[in-house]
């Protein structure tokens, strides 16, 4: 099974959502991407359809935008 990808920016909203996602689907089923630390992945996230973080990209390509933490414009700074 392909992994989901959880994109976040490290803010308190994102960290809380990260913990919930890992608890719900398991650490082995999700790749965690901190866009503030791994800025070269921002374009990948935007191409996938991420408009704000935290967001979960499912293996089928759906983007689930979770409790709003920051827009991609804010992440890009």
N, C-alpha and C. Protein backbone atom coordinates (compact mmCIF):
# COMPACT_ATOMS: atom_id res chain seq x y z
N UNK A 1 0.84 -1.19 0.00
CA UNK A 1 0.00 0.00 0.00
C UNK A 1 0.88 1.24 0.00
N UNK A 2 0.53 2.22 -0.81
CA UNK A 2 1.25 3.49 -0.84
C UNK A 2 0.95 4.27 0.43
N UNK A 3 1.89 5.10 0.82
CA UNK A 3 1.72 5.92 2.02
C UNK A 3 0.98 7.21 1.70
N UNK A 4 0.30 7.72 2.69
CA UNK A 4 -0.22 9.07 2.65
C UNK A 4 0.94 10.00 2.95
N UNK A 5 0.80 11.27 2.57
CA UNK A 5 1.82 12.28 2.87
C UNK A 5 1.14 13.39 3.66
N UNK A 6 1.68 13.68 4.84
CA UNK A 6 1.15 14.73 5.69
C UNK A 6 2.09 15.93 5.59
N UNK A 7 1.59 17.01 4.99
CA UNK A 7 2.37 18.25 4.85
C UNK A 7 2.00 19.20 5.98
N UNK A 8 3.02 19.80 6.58
CA UNK A 8 2.75 20.77 7.65
C UNK A 8 3.89 21.78 7.72
N UNK A 9 3.69 22.80 8.57
CA UNK A 9 4.68 23.87 8.70
C UNK A 9 5.26 23.99 10.10
N UNK A 10 4.91 23.07 10.98
CA UNK A 10 5.49 23.06 12.31
C UNK A 10 4.78 23.91 13.34
N UNK A 11 3.70 24.60 12.96
CA UNK A 11 2.98 25.42 13.91
C UNK A 11 2.21 24.51 14.90
N UNK A 12 1.73 25.07 16.01
CA UNK A 12 1.01 24.24 16.98
C UNK A 12 -0.19 23.50 16.39
N UNK A 13 -0.94 24.13 15.48
CA UNK A 13 -2.08 23.47 14.84
C UNK A 13 -1.58 22.26 14.05
N UNK A 14 -0.48 22.44 13.31
CA UNK A 14 0.07 21.37 12.49
C UNK A 14 0.60 20.21 13.34
N UNK A 15 1.29 20.54 14.41
CA UNK A 15 1.87 19.50 15.27
C UNK A 15 0.76 18.68 15.92
N UNK A 16 -0.30 19.35 16.36
CA UNK A 16 -1.43 18.64 16.95
C UNK A 16 -2.08 17.72 15.93
N UNK A 17 -2.28 18.22 14.71
CA UNK A 17 -2.88 17.40 13.65
C UNK A 17 -1.96 16.24 13.29
N UNK A 18 -0.65 16.47 13.27
CA UNK A 18 0.31 15.40 12.98
C UNK A 18 0.15 14.24 13.96
N UNK A 19 0.07 14.57 15.24
CA UNK A 19 -0.08 13.52 16.26
C UNK A 19 -1.38 12.73 16.04
N UNK A 20 -2.45 13.45 15.73
CA UNK A 20 -3.73 12.78 15.51
C UNK A 20 -3.68 11.88 14.28
N UNK A 21 -3.08 12.36 13.20
CA UNK A 21 -2.99 11.57 11.97
C UNK A 21 -2.17 10.30 12.22
N UNK A 22 -1.02 10.43 12.88
CA UNK A 22 -0.19 9.26 13.17
C UNK A 22 -0.96 8.28 14.04
N UNK A 23 -1.69 8.77 15.03
CA UNK A 23 -2.48 7.89 15.89
C UNK A 23 -3.60 7.20 15.11
N UNK A 24 -4.19 7.90 14.15
CA UNK A 24 -5.31 7.34 13.39
C UNK A 24 -4.88 6.32 12.34
N UNK A 25 -3.83 6.63 11.57
CA UNK A 25 -3.48 5.74 10.46
C UNK A 25 -2.16 5.01 10.64
N UNK A 26 -1.42 5.37 11.67
CA UNK A 26 -0.17 4.67 11.97
C UNK A 26 1.04 5.29 11.30
N UNK A 27 2.14 5.34 12.03
CA UNK A 27 3.37 5.97 11.54
C UNK A 27 3.91 5.30 10.29
N UNK A 28 3.67 4.01 10.13
CA UNK A 28 4.16 3.30 8.95
C UNK A 28 3.37 3.61 7.69
N UNK A 29 2.22 4.27 7.84
CA UNK A 29 1.34 4.54 6.70
C UNK A 29 1.36 5.99 6.24
N UNK A 30 2.20 6.80 6.86
CA UNK A 30 2.22 8.23 6.51
C UNK A 30 3.66 8.76 6.50
N UNK A 31 3.96 9.56 5.48
CA UNK A 31 5.23 10.27 5.42
C UNK A 31 4.98 11.69 5.93
N UNK A 32 5.77 12.14 6.88
CA UNK A 32 5.61 13.47 7.45
C UNK A 32 6.58 14.43 6.76
N UNK A 33 6.03 15.53 6.23
CA UNK A 33 6.85 16.50 5.52
C UNK A 33 6.64 17.87 6.17
N UNK A 34 7.70 18.37 6.80
CA UNK A 34 7.70 19.70 7.43
C UNK A 34 8.20 20.67 6.37
N UNK A 35 7.28 21.44 5.78
CA UNK A 35 7.64 22.31 4.67
C UNK A 35 8.54 23.48 5.08
N UNK A 36 8.53 23.82 6.35
CA UNK A 36 9.44 24.87 6.83
C UNK A 36 10.88 24.41 6.85
N UNK A 37 11.07 23.11 7.06
CA UNK A 37 12.43 22.54 7.10
C UNK A 37 12.83 21.92 5.78
N UNK A 38 11.87 21.52 4.98
CA UNK A 38 12.14 20.84 3.71
C UNK A 38 11.46 21.65 2.60
N UNK A 39 11.95 22.87 2.39
CA UNK A 39 11.32 23.82 1.48
C UNK A 39 11.30 23.36 0.03
N UNK A 40 12.21 22.47 -0.34
CA UNK A 40 12.21 21.98 -1.72
C UNK A 40 11.00 21.10 -2.02
N UNK A 41 10.20 20.77 -1.03
CA UNK A 41 8.99 19.97 -1.24
C UNK A 41 7.73 20.83 -1.41
N UNK A 42 7.88 22.16 -1.30
CA UNK A 42 6.72 23.06 -1.43
C UNK A 42 6.07 22.92 -2.81
N UNK A 43 6.88 22.94 -3.86
CA UNK A 43 6.33 22.82 -5.23
C UNK A 43 5.59 21.50 -5.40
N UNK A 44 6.13 20.44 -4.84
CA UNK A 44 5.47 19.11 -4.89
C UNK A 44 4.10 19.17 -4.24
N UNK A 45 4.04 19.81 -3.05
CA UNK A 45 2.78 19.92 -2.33
C UNK A 45 1.76 20.73 -3.14
N UNK A 46 2.21 21.84 -3.69
CA UNK A 46 1.30 22.67 -4.49
C UNK A 46 0.81 21.93 -5.73
N UNK A 47 1.71 21.20 -6.39
CA UNK A 47 1.33 20.43 -7.57
C UNK A 47 0.27 19.38 -7.23
N UNK A 48 0.36 18.82 -6.03
CA UNK A 48 -0.61 17.81 -5.58
C UNK A 48 -1.96 18.43 -5.23
N UNK A 49 -1.99 19.77 -5.06
CA UNK A 49 -3.25 20.44 -4.75
C UNK A 49 -3.34 21.00 -3.34
N UNK A 50 -2.24 20.99 -2.60
CA UNK A 50 -2.25 21.52 -1.24
C UNK A 50 -2.37 23.04 -1.31
N UNK A 51 -3.39 23.58 -0.65
CA UNK A 51 -3.65 25.03 -0.62
C UNK A 51 -3.29 25.64 0.72
N UNK A 52 -3.29 24.81 1.76
CA UNK A 52 -2.96 25.25 3.11
C UNK A 52 -2.48 24.04 3.89
N UNK A 53 -1.81 24.32 5.00
CA UNK A 53 -1.34 23.24 5.87
C UNK A 53 -1.97 23.42 7.23
N UNK A 54 -2.18 22.33 7.93
CA UNK A 54 -1.83 20.96 7.62
C UNK A 54 -2.76 20.35 6.57
N UNK A 55 -2.19 19.45 5.79
CA UNK A 55 -2.96 18.77 4.75
C UNK A 55 -2.43 17.34 4.60
N UNK A 56 -3.33 16.45 4.28
CA UNK A 56 -2.99 15.05 4.09
C UNK A 56 -3.28 14.67 2.64
N UNK A 57 -2.25 14.22 1.93
CA UNK A 57 -2.39 13.71 0.58
C UNK A 57 -2.57 12.20 0.68
N UNK A 58 -3.71 11.71 0.21
CA UNK A 58 -3.99 10.28 0.32
C UNK A 58 -3.32 9.52 -0.84
N UNK A 59 -3.15 8.21 -0.70
CA UNK A 59 -2.54 7.43 -1.78
C UNK A 59 -3.30 7.54 -3.10
N UNK A 60 -4.59 7.84 -3.06
CA UNK A 60 -5.37 7.98 -4.29
C UNK A 60 -5.26 9.37 -4.90
N UNK A 61 -4.53 10.28 -4.24
CA UNK A 61 -4.31 11.62 -4.79
C UNK A 61 -5.25 12.69 -4.27
N UNK A 62 -6.12 12.35 -3.34
CA UNK A 62 -7.00 13.35 -2.74
C UNK A 62 -6.24 14.14 -1.68
N UNK A 63 -6.48 15.44 -1.63
CA UNK A 63 -5.87 16.29 -0.60
C UNK A 63 -6.95 16.61 0.43
N UNK A 64 -6.68 16.26 1.67
CA UNK A 64 -7.59 16.55 2.77
C UNK A 64 -7.00 17.71 3.56
N UNK A 65 -7.62 18.88 3.45
CA UNK A 65 -7.15 20.04 4.20
C UNK A 65 -7.75 19.98 5.60
N UNK A 66 -6.86 20.00 6.58
CA UNK A 66 -7.27 19.86 7.96
C UNK A 66 -7.37 21.24 8.62
N UNK A 67 -7.62 21.27 9.89
CA UNK A 67 -7.74 22.50 10.65
C UNK A 67 -6.72 23.53 10.18
N UNK A 68 -7.17 24.66 9.66
CA UNK A 68 -6.31 25.64 9.01
C UNK A 68 -5.19 26.13 9.93
N UNK A 69 -3.95 26.01 9.45
CA UNK A 69 -2.79 26.52 10.17
C UNK A 69 -2.13 27.65 9.43
N UNK A 70 -1.86 27.45 8.12
CA UNK A 70 -1.21 28.47 7.30
C UNK A 70 -1.49 28.21 5.83
N UNK A 71 -1.62 29.30 5.07
CA UNK A 71 -1.76 29.16 3.62
C UNK A 71 -0.40 28.82 3.02
N UNK A 72 -0.39 28.32 1.80
CA UNK A 72 0.89 28.03 1.14
C UNK A 72 1.67 29.31 0.90
N UNK A 73 0.99 30.44 0.69
CA UNK A 73 1.68 31.72 0.54
C UNK A 73 2.46 32.06 1.81
N UNK A 74 1.85 31.78 2.96
CA UNK A 74 2.54 32.03 4.24
C UNK A 74 3.70 31.08 4.42
N UNK A 75 3.53 29.83 4.01
CA UNK A 75 4.61 28.84 4.12
C UNK A 75 5.81 29.27 3.26
N UNK A 76 5.52 29.76 2.06
CA UNK A 76 6.59 30.19 1.16
C UNK A 76 7.29 31.44 1.66
N UNK A 77 6.58 32.23 2.48
CA UNK A 77 7.15 33.41 3.09
C UNK A 77 7.48 34.46 2.13
